[in-house]
Amino acid sequence: MQEQNYPINKWAIDDRPREKLRSRGAHVLSDSELLAILINKGTRKYNAVDVAKQLLKLGKDNLAELGKVSVQELMKVSGIGEAKAITISAALEIGRRREAASIINKQMINSSKE
């Protein structure tokens, strides 16, 4: 990872993940920005978005794949301790369950007669 060392609090306010979500909605954030909100803080070398990008690499830049990564594997990324790894794992599981519930609801309606 290229050393960024540019703290998010030094970014333009409209570019900061939390402020961007508040003003424009979660749907406009990249996967790394959403993960950065969960991560909250980066390290001395890398801001939270940079750490999130490293996490995404574990999942081949795919959130569904990242959801299959163990807490122990998540913790191998610099800046991710046990609490953050568990938070990320839980958030990804919530997303998986939401998607599964959506599929179940769609399958229940088979025709207009129902």
PDB file of N, CA and C in Angstrom:
ATOM      1  N   MET A   1       0.853  -1.174   0.000  1.00  0.00           N
ATOM      2  CA  MET A   1       0.000   0.000   0.000  1.00  0.00           C
ATOM      3  C   MET A   1       0.896   1.233   0.000  1.00  0.00           C
ATOM      4  N   GLN A   2       0.600   2.167  -0.850  1.00  0.00           N
ATOM      5  CA  GLN A   2       1.365   3.399  -0.890  1.00  0.00           C
ATOM      6  C   GLN A   2       1.017   4.229   0.344  1.00  0.00           C
ATOM      7  N   GLU A   3       2.020   4.778   0.973  1.00  0.00           N
ATOM      8  CA  GLU A   3       1.786   5.548   2.195  1.00  0.00           C
ATOM      9  C   GLU A   3       1.065   6.847   1.858  1.00  0.00           C
ATOM     10  N   GLN A   4      -0.138   7.005   2.389  1.00  0.00           N
ATOM     11  CA  GLN A   4      -0.923   8.204   2.160  1.00  0.00           C
ATOM     12  C   GLN A   4      -0.668   9.220   3.266  1.00  0.00           C
ATOM     13  N   ASN A   5      -0.843   8.789   4.511  1.00  0.00           N
ATOM     14  CA  ASN A   5      -0.611   9.624   5.681  1.00  0.00           C
ATOM     15  C   ASN A   5      -1.283  10.985   5.559  1.00  0.00           C
ATOM     16  N   TYR A   6      -2.484  11.013   4.998  1.00  0.00           N
ATOM     17  CA  TYR A   6      -3.255  12.244   4.886  1.00  0.00           C
ATOM     18  C   TYR A   6      -4.563  12.018   5.629  1.00  0.00           C
ATOM     19  N   PRO A   7      -4.638  12.482   6.869  1.00  0.00           N
ATOM     20  CA  PRO A   7      -5.807  12.199   7.708  1.00  0.00           C
ATOM     21  C   PRO A   7      -7.111  12.691   7.084  1.00  0.00           C
ATOM     22  N   ILE A   8      -8.151  11.922   7.280  1.00  0.00           N
ATOM     23  CA  ILE A   8      -9.459  12.263   6.727  1.00  0.00           C
ATOM     24  C   ILE A   8      -9.933  13.617   7.249  1.00  0.00           C
ATOM     25  N   ASN A   9      -9.605  13.949   8.486  1.00  0.00           N
ATOM     26  CA  ASN A   9     -10.069  15.237   9.020  1.00  0.00           C
ATOM     27  C   ASN A   9      -9.411  16.436   8.338  1.00  0.00           C
ATOM     28  N   LYS A  10      -8.434  16.186   7.477  1.00  0.00           N
ATOM     29  CA  LYS A  10      -7.810  17.250   6.681  1.00  0.00           C
ATOM     30  C   LYS A  10      -8.435  17.339   5.285  1.00  0.00           C
ATOM     31  N   TRP A  11      -9.288  16.377   4.935  1.00  0.00           N
ATOM     32  CA  TRP A  11      -9.960  16.379   3.635  1.00  0.00           C
ATOM     33  C   TRP A  11     -10.999  17.496   3.599  1.00  0.00           C
ATOM     34  N   ALA A  12     -11.408  17.869   2.404  1.00  0.00           N
ATOM     35  CA  ALA A  12     -12.542  18.788   2.255  1.00  0.00           C
ATOM     36  C   ALA A  12     -13.751  18.140   2.931  1.00  0.00           C
ATOM     37  N   ILE A  13     -14.531  18.926   3.626  1.00  0.00           N
ATOM     38  CA  ILE A  13     -15.652  18.387   4.405  1.00  0.00           C
ATOM     39  C   ILE A  13     -16.566  17.516   3.548  1.00  0.00           C
ATOM     40  N   ASP A  14     -16.868  17.940   2.339  1.00  0.00           N
ATOM     41  CA  ASP A  14     -17.780  17.180   1.472  1.00  0.00           C
ATOM     42  C   ASP A  14     -17.203  15.853   1.003  1.00  0.00           C
ATOM     43  N   ASP A  15     -15.895  15.665   1.147  1.00  0.00           N
ATOM     44  CA  ASP A  15     -15.253  14.416   0.725  1.00  0.00           C
ATOM     45  C   ASP A  15     -15.104  13.405   1.852  1.00  0.00           C
ATOM     46  N   ARG A  16     -15.326  13.817   3.077  1.00  0.00           N
ATOM     47  CA  ARG A  16     -15.188  12.919   4.224  1.00  0.00           C
ATOM     48  C   ARG A  16     -16.347  11.924   4.235  1.00  0.00           C
ATOM     49  N   PRO A  17     -16.054  10.640   4.438  1.00  0.00           N
ATOM     50  CA  PRO A  17     -17.112   9.626   4.348  1.00  0.00           C
ATOM     51  C   PRO A  17     -18.346   9.891   5.214  1.00  0.00           C
ATOM     52  N   ARG A  18     -18.175  10.237   6.468  1.00  0.00           N
ATOM     53  CA  ARG A  18     -19.337  10.470   7.337  1.00  0.00           C
ATOM     54  C   ARG A  18     -20.180  11.649   6.854  1.00  0.00           C
ATOM     55  N   GLU A  19     -19.520  12.726   6.519  1.00  0.00           N
ATOM     56  CA  GLU A  19     -20.232  13.913   6.067  1.00  0.00           C
ATOM     57  C   GLU A  19     -20.894  13.670   4.713  1.00  0.00           C
ATOM     58  N   LYS A  20     -20.216  12.928   3.863  1.00  0.00           N
ATOM     59  CA  LYS A  20     -20.779  12.597   2.553  1.00  0.00           C
ATOM     60  C   LYS A  20     -22.041  11.756   2.722  1.00  0.00           C
ATOM     61  N   LEU A  21     -22.006  10.789   3.627  1.00  0.00           N
ATOM     62  CA  LEU A  21     -23.186   9.959   3.885  1.00  0.00           C
ATOM     63  C   LEU A  21     -24.325  10.820   4.422  1.00  0.00           C
ATOM     64  N   ARG A  22     -24.019  11.689   5.364  1.00  0.00           N
ATOM     65  CA  ARG A  22     -25.037  12.542   5.965  1.00  0.00           C
ATOM     66  C   ARG A  22     -25.695  13.449   4.923  1.00  0.00           C
ATOM     67  N   SER A  23     -24.906  14.040   4.060  1.00  0.00           N
ATOM     68  CA  SER A  23     -25.448  15.023   3.123  1.00  0.00           C
ATOM     69  C   SER A  23     -26.000  14.421   1.836  1.00  0.00           C
ATOM     70  N   ARG A  24     -25.429  13.297   1.393  1.00  0.00           N
ATOM     71  CA  ARG A  24     -25.822  12.764   0.085  1.00  0.00           C
ATOM     72  C   ARG A  24     -26.404  11.365   0.121  1.00  0.00           C
ATOM     73  N   GLY A  25     -26.252  10.664   1.252  1.00  0.00           N
ATOM     74  CA  GLY A  25     -26.805   9.315   1.377  1.00  0.00           C
ATOM     75  C   GLY A  25     -25.746   8.237   1.230  1.00  0.00           C
ATOM     76  N   ALA A  26     -26.022   7.084   1.829  1.00  0.00           N
ATOM     77  CA  ALA A  26     -25.075   5.968   1.824  1.00  0.00           C
ATOM     78  C   ALA A  26     -24.817   5.436   0.418  1.00  0.00           C
ATOM     79  N   HIS A  27     -25.812   5.538  -0.450  1.00  0.00           N
ATOM     80  CA  HIS A  27     -25.687   4.960  -1.792  1.00  0.00           C
ATOM     81  C   HIS A  27     -24.586   5.607  -2.638  1.00  0.00           C
ATOM     82  N   VAL A  28     -24.140   6.802  -2.286  1.00  0.00           N
ATOM     83  CA  VAL A  28     -23.101   7.460  -3.087  1.00  0.00           C
ATOM     84  C   VAL A  28     -21.685   7.102  -2.634  1.00  0.00           C
ATOM     85  N   LEU A  29     -21.556   6.456  -1.488  1.00  0.00           N
ATOM     86  CA  LEU A  29     -20.235   6.109  -0.973  1.00  0.00           C
ATOM     87  C   LEU A  29     -19.692   4.850  -1.638  1.00  0.00           C
ATOM     88  N   SER A  30     -18.386   4.828  -1.817  1.00  0.00           N
ATOM     89  CA  SER A  30     -17.722   3.624  -2.325  1.00  0.00           C
ATOM     90  C   SER A  30     -17.684   2.583  -1.211  1.00  0.00           C
ATOM     91  N   ASP A  31     -17.382   1.352  -1.570  1.00  0.00           N
ATOM     92  CA  ASP A  31     -17.257   0.290  -0.565  1.00  0.00           C
ATOM     93  C   ASP A  31     -16.191   0.650   0.469  1.00  0.00           C
ATOM     94  N   SER A  32     -15.084   1.218   0.012  1.00  0.00           N
ATOM     95  CA  SER A  32     -14.016   1.568   0.956  1.00  0.00           C
ATOM     96  C   SER A  32     -14.448   2.694   1.890  1.00  0.00           C
ATOM     97  N   GLU A  33     -15.243   3.621   1.412  1.00  0.00           N
ATOM     98  CA  GLU A  33     -15.732   4.696   2.279  1.00  0.00           C
ATOM     99  C   GLU A  33     -16.705   4.158   3.322  1.00  0.00           C
ATOM    100  N   LEU A  34     -17.570   3.228   2.921  1.00  0.00           N
ATOM    101  CA  LEU A  34     -18.498   2.622   3.882  1.00  0.00           C
ATOM    102  C   LEU A  34     -17.737   1.848   4.954  1.00  0.00           C
ATOM    103  N   LEU A  35     -16.760   1.074   4.538  1.00  0.00           N
ATOM    104  CA  LEU A  35     -15.936   0.340   5.504  1.00  0.00           C
ATOM    105  C   LEU A  35     -15.155   1.296   6.405  1.00  0.00           C
ATOM    106  N   ALA A  36     -14.689   2.399   5.849  1.00  0.00           N
ATOM    107  CA  ALA A  36     -13.936   3.379   6.643  1.00  0.00           C
ATOM    108  C   ALA A  36     -14.784   3.933   7.781  1.00  0.00           C
ATOM    109  N   ILE A  37     -16.076   4.086   7.551  1.00  0.00           N
ATOM    110  CA  ILE A  37     -16.964   4.554   8.619  1.00  0.00           C
ATOM    111  C   ILE A  37     -16.998   3.533   9.746  1.00  0.00           C
ATOM    112  N   LEU A  38     -17.039   2.250   9.401  1.00  0.00           N
ATOM    113  CA  LEU A  38     -17.014   1.206  10.431  1.00  0.00           C
ATOM    114  C   LEU A  38     -15.667   1.168  11.149  1.00  0.00           C
ATOM    115  N   ILE A  39     -14.602   1.352  10.405  1.00  0.00           N
ATOM    116  CA  ILE A  39     -13.252   1.306  10.968  1.00  0.00           C
ATOM    117  C   ILE A  39     -13.021   2.484  11.915  1.00  0.00           C
ATOM    118  N   ASN A  40     -13.553   3.629  11.562  1.00  0.00           N
ATOM    119  CA  ASN A  40     -13.513   4.849  12.370  1.00  0.00           C
ATOM    120  C   ASN A  40     -12.169   5.567  12.319  1.00  0.00           C
ATOM    121  N   LYS A  41     -11.087   4.896  12.626  1.00  0.00           N
ATOM    122  CA  LYS A  41      -9.770   5.543  12.627  1.00  0.00           C
ATOM    123  C   LYS A  41      -8.757   4.642  11.939  1.00  0.00           C
ATOM    124  N   GLY A  42      -7.828   5.269  11.274  1.00  0.00           N
ATOM    125  CA  GLY A  42      -6.765   4.517  10.630  1.00  0.00           C
ATOM    126  C   GLY A  42      -5.584   4.329  11.569  1.00  0.00           C
ATOM    127  N   THR A  43      -4.411   4.294  10.974  1.00  0.00           N
ATOM    128  CA  THR A  43      -3.169   4.142  11.737  1.00  0.00           C
ATOM    129  C   THR A  43      -2.337   5.410  11.546  1.00  0.00           C
ATOM    130  N   ARG A  44      -1.144   5.403  12.094  1.00  0.00           N
ATOM    131  CA  ARG A  44      -0.263   6.560  11.890  1.00  0.00           C
ATOM    132  C   ARG A  44       0.101   6.726  10.420  1.00  0.00           C
ATOM    133  N   LYS A  45       0.226   5.612   9.728  1.00  0.00           N
ATOM    134  CA  LYS A  45       0.629   5.658   8.319  1.00  0.00           C
ATOM    135  C   LYS A  45      -0.545   5.764   7.355  1.00  0.00           C
ATOM    136  N   TYR A  46      -1.680   5.183   7.708  1.00  0.00           N
ATOM    137  CA  TYR A  46      -2.789   5.071   6.764  1.00  0.00           C
ATOM    138  C   TYR A  46      -4.091   5.551   7.381  1.00  0.00           C
ATOM    139  N   ASN A  47      -4.850   6.328   6.614  1.00  0.00           N
ATOM    140  CA  ASN A  47      -6.155   6.753   7.109  1.00  0.00           C
ATOM    141  C   ASN A  47      -7.149   5.595   6.981  1.00  0.00           C
ATOM    142  N   ALA A  48      -8.336   5.780   7.506  1.00  0.00           N
ATOM    143  CA  ALA A  48      -9.329   4.699   7.539  1.00  0.00           C
ATOM    144  C   ALA A  48      -9.723   4.224   6.141  1.00  0.00           C
ATOM    145  N   VAL A  49      -9.760   5.115   5.169  1.00  0.00           N
ATOM    146  CA  VAL A  49     -10.104   4.709   3.795  1.00  0.00           C
ATOM    147  C   VAL A  49      -9.001   3.819   3.223  1.00  0.00           C
ATOM    148  N   ASP A  50      -7.755   4.155   3.494  1.00  0.00           N
ATOM    149  CA  ASP A  50      -6.639   3.322   3.028  1.00  0.00           C
ATOM    150  C   ASP A  50      -6.678   1.936   3.669  1.00  0.00           C
ATOM    151  N   VAL A  51      -6.981   1.883   4.966  1.00  0.00           N
ATOM    152  CA  VAL A  51      -7.099   0.597   5.663  1.00  0.00           C
ATOM    153  C   VAL A  51      -8.252  -0.200   5.051  1.00  0.00           C
ATOM    154  N   ALA A  52      -9.354   0.475   4.766  1.00  0.00           N
ATOM    155  CA  ALA A  52     -10.512  -0.189   4.160  1.00  0.00           C
ATOM    156  C   ALA A  52     -10.159  -0.780   2.797  1.00  0.00           C
ATOM    157  N   LYS A  53      -9.360  -0.074   2.027  1.00  0.00           N
ATOM    158  CA  LYS A  53      -8.941  -0.587   0.717  1.00  0.00           C
ATOM    159  C   LYS A  53      -8.123  -1.864   0.871  1.00  0.00           C
ATOM    160  N   GLN A  54      -7.298  -1.925   1.910  1.00  0.00           N
ATOM    161  CA  GLN A  54      -6.538  -3.145   2.184  1.00  0.00           C
ATOM    162  C   GLN A  54      -7.487  -4.289   2.549  1.00  0.00           C
ATOM    163  N   LEU A  55      -8.504  -3.994   3.332  1.00  0.00           N
ATOM    164  CA  LEU A  55      -9.496  -5.018   3.675  1.00  0.00           C
ATOM    165  C   LEU A  55     -10.187  -5.540   2.422  1.00  0.00           C
ATOM    166  N   LEU A  56     -10.568  -4.635   1.550  1.00  0.00           N
ATOM    167  CA  LEU A  56     -11.254  -5.048   0.327  1.00  0.00           C
ATOM    168  C   LEU A  56     -10.384  -5.967  -0.525  1.00  0.00           C
ATOM    169  N   LYS A  57      -9.085  -5.766  -0.500  1.00  0.00           N
ATOM    170  CA  LYS A  57      -8.185  -6.654  -1.249  1.00  0.00           C
ATOM    171  C   LYS A  57      -8.297  -8.091  -0.744  1.00  0.00           C
ATOM    172  N   LEU A  58      -8.535  -8.260   0.563  1.00  0.00           N
ATOM    173  CA  LEU A  58      -8.719  -9.614   1.112  1.00  0.00           C
ATOM    174  C   LEU A  58      -9.923 -10.302   0.477  1.00  0.00           C
ATOM    175  N   GLY A  59     -10.923  -9.516   0.145  1.00  0.00           N
ATOM    176  CA  GLY A  59     -12.134 -10.051  -0.466  1.00  0.00           C
ATOM    177  C   GLY A  59     -12.162  -9.876  -1.970  1.00  0.00           C
ATOM    178  N   LYS A  60     -11.001  -9.708  -2.574  1.00  0.00           N
ATOM    179  CA  LYS A  60     -10.897  -9.555  -4.033  1.00  0.00           C
ATOM    180  C   LYS A  60     -11.765  -8.400  -4.525  1.00  0.00           C
ATOM    181  N   ASP A  61     -11.781  -7.323  -3.744  1.00  0.00           N
ATOM    182  CA  ASP A  61     -12.561  -6.113  -4.049  1.00  0.00           C
ATOM    183  C   ASP A  61     -14.052  -6.395  -4.194  1.00  0.00           C
ATOM    184  N   ASN A  62     -14.534  -7.347  -3.401  1.00  0.00           N
ATOM    185  CA  ASN A  62     -15.933  -7.758  -3.454  1.00  0.00           C
ATOM    186  C   ASN A  62     -16.438  -7.924  -2.020  1.00  0.00           C
ATOM    187  N   LEU A  63     -17.482  -7.183  -1.648  1.00  0.00           N
ATOM    188  CA  LEU A  63     -17.989  -7.261  -0.274  1.00  0.00           C
ATOM    189  C   LEU A  63     -18.527  -8.643   0.068  1.00  0.00           C
ATOM    190  N   ALA A  64     -19.139  -9.319  -0.896  1.00  0.00           N
ATOM    191  CA  ALA A  64     -19.646 -10.674  -0.630  1.00  0.00           C
ATOM    192  C   ALA A  64     -18.491 -11.612  -0.287  1.00  0.00           C
ATOM    193  N   GLU A  65     -17.390 -11.476  -0.994  1.00  0.00           N
ATOM    194  CA  GLU A  65     -16.207 -12.295  -0.705  1.00  0.00           C
ATOM    195  C   GLU A  65     -15.567 -11.882   0.616  1.00  0.00           C
ATOM    196  N   LEU A  66     -15.546 -10.592   0.890  1.00  0.00           N
ATOM    197  CA  LEU A  66     -14.987 -10.125   2.159  1.00  0.00           C
ATOM    198  C   LEU A  66     -15.783 -10.689   3.329  1.00  0.00           C
ATOM    199  N   GLY A  67     -17.078 -10.875   3.139  1.00  0.00           N
ATOM    200  CA  GLY A  67     -17.919 -11.453   4.181  1.00  0.00           C
ATOM    201  C   GLY A  67     -17.553 -12.884   4.530  1.00  0.00           C
ATOM    202  N   LYS A  68     -16.816 -13.551   3.675  1.00  0.00           N
ATOM    203  CA  LYS A  68     -16.386 -14.932   3.921  1.00  0.00           C
ATOM    204  C   LYS A  68     -15.048 -15.004   4.660  1.00  0.00           C
ATOM    205  N   VAL A  69     -14.397 -13.864   4.815  1.00  0.00           N
ATOM    206  CA  VAL A  69     -13.083 -13.811   5.457  1.00  0.00           C
ATOM    207  C   VAL A  69     -13.264 -13.866   6.974  1.00  0.00           C
ATOM    208  N   SER A  70     -12.444 -14.652   7.629  1.00  0.00           N
ATOM    209  CA  SER A  70     -12.554 -14.819   9.082  1.00  0.00           C
ATOM    210  C   SER A  70     -12.095 -13.567   9.831  1.00  0.00           C
ATOM    211  N   VAL A  71     -12.538 -13.469  11.063  1.00  0.00           N
ATOM    212  CA  VAL A  71     -12.107 -12.379  11.939  1.00  0.00           C
ATOM    213  C   VAL A  71     -10.583 -12.380  12.053  1.00  0.00           C
ATOM    214  N   GLN A  72      -9.997 -13.559  12.176  1.00  0.00           N
ATOM    215  CA  GLN A  72      -8.544 -13.664  12.302  1.00  0.00           C
ATOM    216  C   GLN A  72      -7.835 -13.128  11.058  1.00  0.00           C
ATOM    217  N   GLU A  73      -8.385 -13.407   9.887  1.00  0.00           N
ATOM    218  CA  GLU A  73      -7.783 -12.904   8.648  1.00  0.00           C
ATOM    219  C   GLU A  73      -7.929 -11.389   8.556  1.00  0.00           C
ATOM    220  N   LEU A  74      -9.088 -10.866   8.942  1.00  0.00           N
ATOM    221  CA  LEU A  74      -9.295  -9.415   8.930  1.00  0.00           C
ATOM    222  C   LEU A  74      -8.263  -8.723   9.819  1.00  0.00           C
ATOM    223  N   MET A  75      -7.949  -9.357  10.940  1.00  0.00           N
ATOM    224  CA  MET A  75      -7.013  -8.779  11.905  1.00  0.00           C
ATOM    225  C   MET A  75      -5.574  -8.725  11.391  1.00  0.00           C
ATOM    226  N   LYS A  76      -5.294  -9.383  10.298  1.00  0.00           N
ATOM    227  CA  LYS A  76      -3.947  -9.342   9.720  1.00  0.00           C
ATOM    228  C   LYS A  76      -3.669  -8.011   9.016  1.00  0.00           C
ATOM    229  N   VAL A  77      -4.728  -7.251   8.755  1.00  0.00           N
ATOM    230  CA  VAL A  77      -4.567  -5.937   8.132  1.00  0.00           C
ATOM    231  C   VAL A  77      -4.161  -4.937   9.212  1.00  0.00           C
ATOM    232  N   SER A  78      -3.124  -4.182   8.949  1.00  0.00           N
ATOM    233  CA  SER A  78      -2.651  -3.178   9.900  1.00  0.00           C
ATOM    234  C   SER A  78      -3.770  -2.190  10.213  1.00  0.00           C
ATOM    235  N   GLY A  79      -4.019  -1.996  11.503  1.00  0.00           N
ATOM    236  CA  GLY A  79      -5.073  -1.077  11.929  1.00  0.00           C
ATOM    237  C   GLY A  79      -6.376  -1.759  12.275  1.00  0.00           C
ATOM    238  N   ILE A  80      -6.453  -3.072  12.038  1.00  0.00           N
ATOM    239  CA  ILE A  80      -7.670  -3.821  12.347  1.00  0.00           C
ATOM    240  C   ILE A  80      -7.391  -4.754  13.517  1.00  0.00           C
ATOM    241  N   GLY A  81      -7.928  -4.378  14.665  1.00  0.00           N
ATOM    242  CA  GLY A  81      -7.842  -5.229  15.844  1.00  0.00           C
ATOM    243  C   GLY A  81      -9.079  -6.097  15.936  1.00  0.00           C
ATOM    244  N   GLU A  82      -9.190  -6.809  17.029  1.00  0.00           N
ATOM    245  CA  GLU A  82     -10.309  -7.736  17.191  1.00  0.00           C
ATOM    246  C   GLU A  82     -11.662  -7.026  17.165  1.00  0.00           C
ATOM    247  N   ALA A  83     -11.797  -5.919  17.872  1.00  0.00           N
ATOM    248  CA  ALA A  83     -13.086  -5.216  17.929  1.00  0.00           C
ATOM    249  C   ALA A  83     -13.518  -4.730  16.547  1.00  0.00           C
ATOM    250  N   LYS A  84     -12.597  -4.151  15.787  1.00  0.00           N
ATOM    251  CA  LYS A  84     -12.935  -3.674  14.447  1.00  0.00           C
ATOM    252  C   LYS A  84     -13.245  -4.844  13.519  1.00  0.00           C
ATOM    253  N   ALA A  85     -12.487  -5.911  13.628  1.00  0.00           N
ATOM    254  CA  ALA A  85     -12.726  -7.087  12.783  1.00  0.00           C
ATOM    255  C   ALA A  85     -14.107  -7.668  13.059  1.00  0.00           C
ATOM    256  N   ILE A  86     -14.488  -7.730  14.322  1.00  0.00           N
ATOM    257  CA  ILE A  86     -15.808  -8.254  14.688  1.00  0.00           C
ATOM    258  C   ILE A  86     -16.904  -7.322  14.187  1.00  0.00           C
ATOM    259  N   THR A  87     -16.708  -6.022  14.310  1.00  0.00           N
ATOM    260  CA  THR A  87     -17.690  -5.050  13.816  1.00  0.00           C
ATOM    261  C   THR A  87     -17.886  -5.201  12.313  1.00  0.00           C
ATOM    262  N   ILE A  88     -16.799  -5.314  11.582  1.00  0.00           N
ATOM    263  CA  ILE A  88     -16.872  -5.463  10.125  1.00  0.00           C
ATOM    264  C   ILE A  88     -17.551  -6.771   9.756  1.00  0.00           C
ATOM    265  N   SER A  89     -17.172  -7.845  10.416  1.00  0.00           N
ATOM    266  CA  SER A  89     -17.773  -9.151  10.154  1.00  0.00           C
ATOM    267  C   SER A  89     -19.278  -9.117  10.421  1.00  0.00           C
ATOM    268  N   ALA A  90     -19.680  -8.488  11.514  1.00  0.00           N
ATOM    269  CA  ALA A  90     -21.104  -8.385  11.857  1.00  0.00           C
ATOM    270  C   ALA A  90     -21.860  -7.556  10.821  1.00  0.00           C
ATOM    271  N   ALA A  91     -21.279  -6.445  10.384  1.00  0.00           N
ATOM    272  CA  ALA A  91     -21.935  -5.595   9.391  1.00  0.00           C
ATOM    273  C   ALA A  91     -22.120  -6.333   8.066  1.00  0.00           C
ATOM    274  N   LEU A  92     -21.110  -7.081   7.657  1.00  0.00           N
ATOM    275  CA  LEU A  92     -21.212  -7.844   6.414  1.00  0.00           C
ATOM    276  C   LEU A  92     -22.255  -8.949   6.534  1.00  0.00           C
ATOM    277  N   GLU A  93     -22.363  -9.561   7.698  1.00  0.00           N
ATOM    278  CA  GLU A  93     -23.381 -10.590   7.924  1.00  0.00           C
ATOM    279  C   GLU A  93     -24.784  -9.980   7.896  1.00  0.00           C
ATOM    280  N   ILE A  94     -24.946  -8.794   8.446  1.00  0.00           N
ATOM    281  CA  ILE A  94     -26.244  -8.106   8.372  1.00  0.00           C
ATOM    282  C   ILE A  94     -26.620  -7.885   6.909  1.00  0.00           C
ATOM    283  N   GLY A  95     -25.665  -7.447   6.109  1.00  0.00           N
ATOM    284  CA  GLY A  95     -25.924  -7.250   4.682  1.00  0.00           C
ATOM    285  C   GLY A  95     -26.308  -8.549   3.988  1.00  0.00           C
ATOM    286  N   ARG A  96     -25.623  -9.638   4.335  1.00  0.00           N
ATOM    287  CA  ARG A  96     -25.941 -10.934   3.736  1.00  0.00           C
ATOM    288  C   ARG A  96     -27.356 -11.358   4.109  1.00  0.00           C
ATOM    289  N   ARG A  97     -27.727 -11.205   5.366  1.00  0.00           N
ATOM    290  CA  ARG A  97     -29.066 -11.588   5.821  1.00  0.00           C
ATOM    291  C   ARG A  97     -30.143 -10.713   5.194  1.00  0.00           C
ATOM    292  N   ARG A  98     -29.849  -9.449   5.019  1.00  0.00           N
ATOM    293  CA  ARG A  98     -30.807  -8.542   4.374  1.00  0.00           C
ATOM    294  C   ARG A  98     -31.073  -9.004   2.944  1.00  0.00           C
ATOM    295  N   GLU A  99     -30.013  -9.349   2.251  1.00  0.00           N
ATOM    296  CA  GLU A  99     -30.155  -9.837   0.876  1.00  0.00           C
ATOM    297  C   GLU A  99     -30.932 -11.150   0.843  1.00  0.00           C
ATOM    298  N   ALA A 100     -30.628 -12.054   1.769  1.00  0.00           N
ATOM    299  CA  ALA A 100     -31.336 -13.337   1.826  1.00  0.00           C
ATOM    300  C   ALA A 100     -32.818 -13.126   2.104  1.00  0.00           C
ATOM    301  N   ALA A 101     -33.151 -12.207   2.994  1.00  0.00           N
ATOM    302  CA  ALA A 101     -34.556 -11.918   3.302  1.00  0.00           C
ATOM    303  C   ALA A 101     -35.262 -11.328   2.093  1.00  0.00           C
ATOM    304  N   SER A 102     -34.568 -10.510   1.337  1.00  0.00           N
ATOM    305  CA  SER A 102     -35.130  -9.911   0.132  1.00  0.00           C
ATOM    306  C   SER A 102     -35.459 -10.982  -0.904  1.00  0.00           C
ATOM    307  N   ILE A 103     -34.579 -11.951  -1.053  1.00  0.00           N
ATOM    308  CA  ILE A 103     -34.800 -13.047  -2.005  1.00  0.00           C
ATOM    309  C   ILE A 103     -35.991 -13.891  -1.571  1.00  0.00           C
ATOM    310  N   ILE A 104     -36.086 -14.182  -0.294  1.00  0.00           N
ATOM    311  CA  ILE A 104     -37.212 -14.973   0.227  1.00  0.00           C
ATOM    312  C   ILE A 104     -38.522 -14.249  -0.027  1.00  0.00           C
ATOM    313  N   ASN A 105     -38.567 -12.953   0.214  1.00  0.00           N
ATOM    314  CA  ASN A 105     -39.789 -12.181  -0.011  1.00  0.00           C
ATOM    315  C   ASN A 105     -40.185 -12.175  -1.477  1.00  0.00           C
ATOM    316  N   LYS A 106     -39.235 -12.104  -2.380  1.00  0.00           N
ATOM    317  CA  LYS A 106     -39.532 -12.119  -3.810  1.00  0.00           C
ATOM    318  C   LYS A 106     -40.068 -13.478  -4.246  1.00  0.00           C
ATOM    319  N   GLN A 107     -39.584 -14.555  -3.644  1.00  0.00           N
ATOM    320  CA  GLN A 107     -40.016 -15.894  -4.020  1.00  0.00           C
ATOM    321  C   GLN A 107     -41.436 -16.179  -3.550  1.00  0.00           C
ATOM    322  N   MET A 108     -41.902 -15.478  -2.536  1.00  0.00           N
ATOM    323  CA  MET A 108     -43.233 -15.724  -1.993  1.00  0.00           C
ATOM    324  C   MET A 108     -44.324 -15.235  -2.934  1.00  0.00           C
ATOM    325  N   ILE A 109     -44.037 -14.255  -3.782  1.00  0.00           N
ATOM    326  CA  ILE A 109     -45.015 -13.732  -4.726  1.00  0.00           C
ATOM    327  C   ILE A 109     -44.708 -14.346  -6.086  1.00  0.00           C
ATOM    328  N   ASN A 110     -45.521 -15.323  -6.473  1.00  0.00           N
ATOM    329  CA  ASN A 110     -45.271 -16.039  -7.719  1.00  0.00           C
ATOM    330  C   ASN A 110     -46.144 -15.577  -8.874  1.00  0.00           C
ATOM    331  N   SER A 111     -47.339 -15.064  -8.572  1.00  0.00           N
ATOM    332  CA  SER A 111     -48.217 -14.608  -9.644  1.00  0.00           C
ATOM    333  C   SER A 111     -49.157 -13.536  -9.118  1.00  0.00           C
ATOM    334  N   SER A 112     -49.838 -12.872 -10.047  1.00  0.00           N
ATOM    335  CA  SER A 112     -50.768 -11.816  -9.646  1.00  0.00           C
ATOM    336  C   SER A 112     -51.987 -12.393  -8.930  1.00  0.00           C
ATOM    337  N   LYS A 113     -52.244 -13.696  -9.075  1.00  0.00           N
ATOM    338  CA  LYS A 113     -53.369 -14.338  -8.398  1.00  0.00           C
ATOM    339  C   LYS A 113     -53.137 -14.413  -6.895  1.00  0.00           C
ATOM    340  N   GLU A 114     -51.900 -14.373  -6.490  1.00  0.00           N
ATOM    341  CA  GLU A 114     -51.570 -14.444  -5.069  1.00  0.00           C
ATOM    342  C   GLU A 114     -51.764 -13.087  -4.491  1.00  0.00           C
TER     343      GLU A 114
END
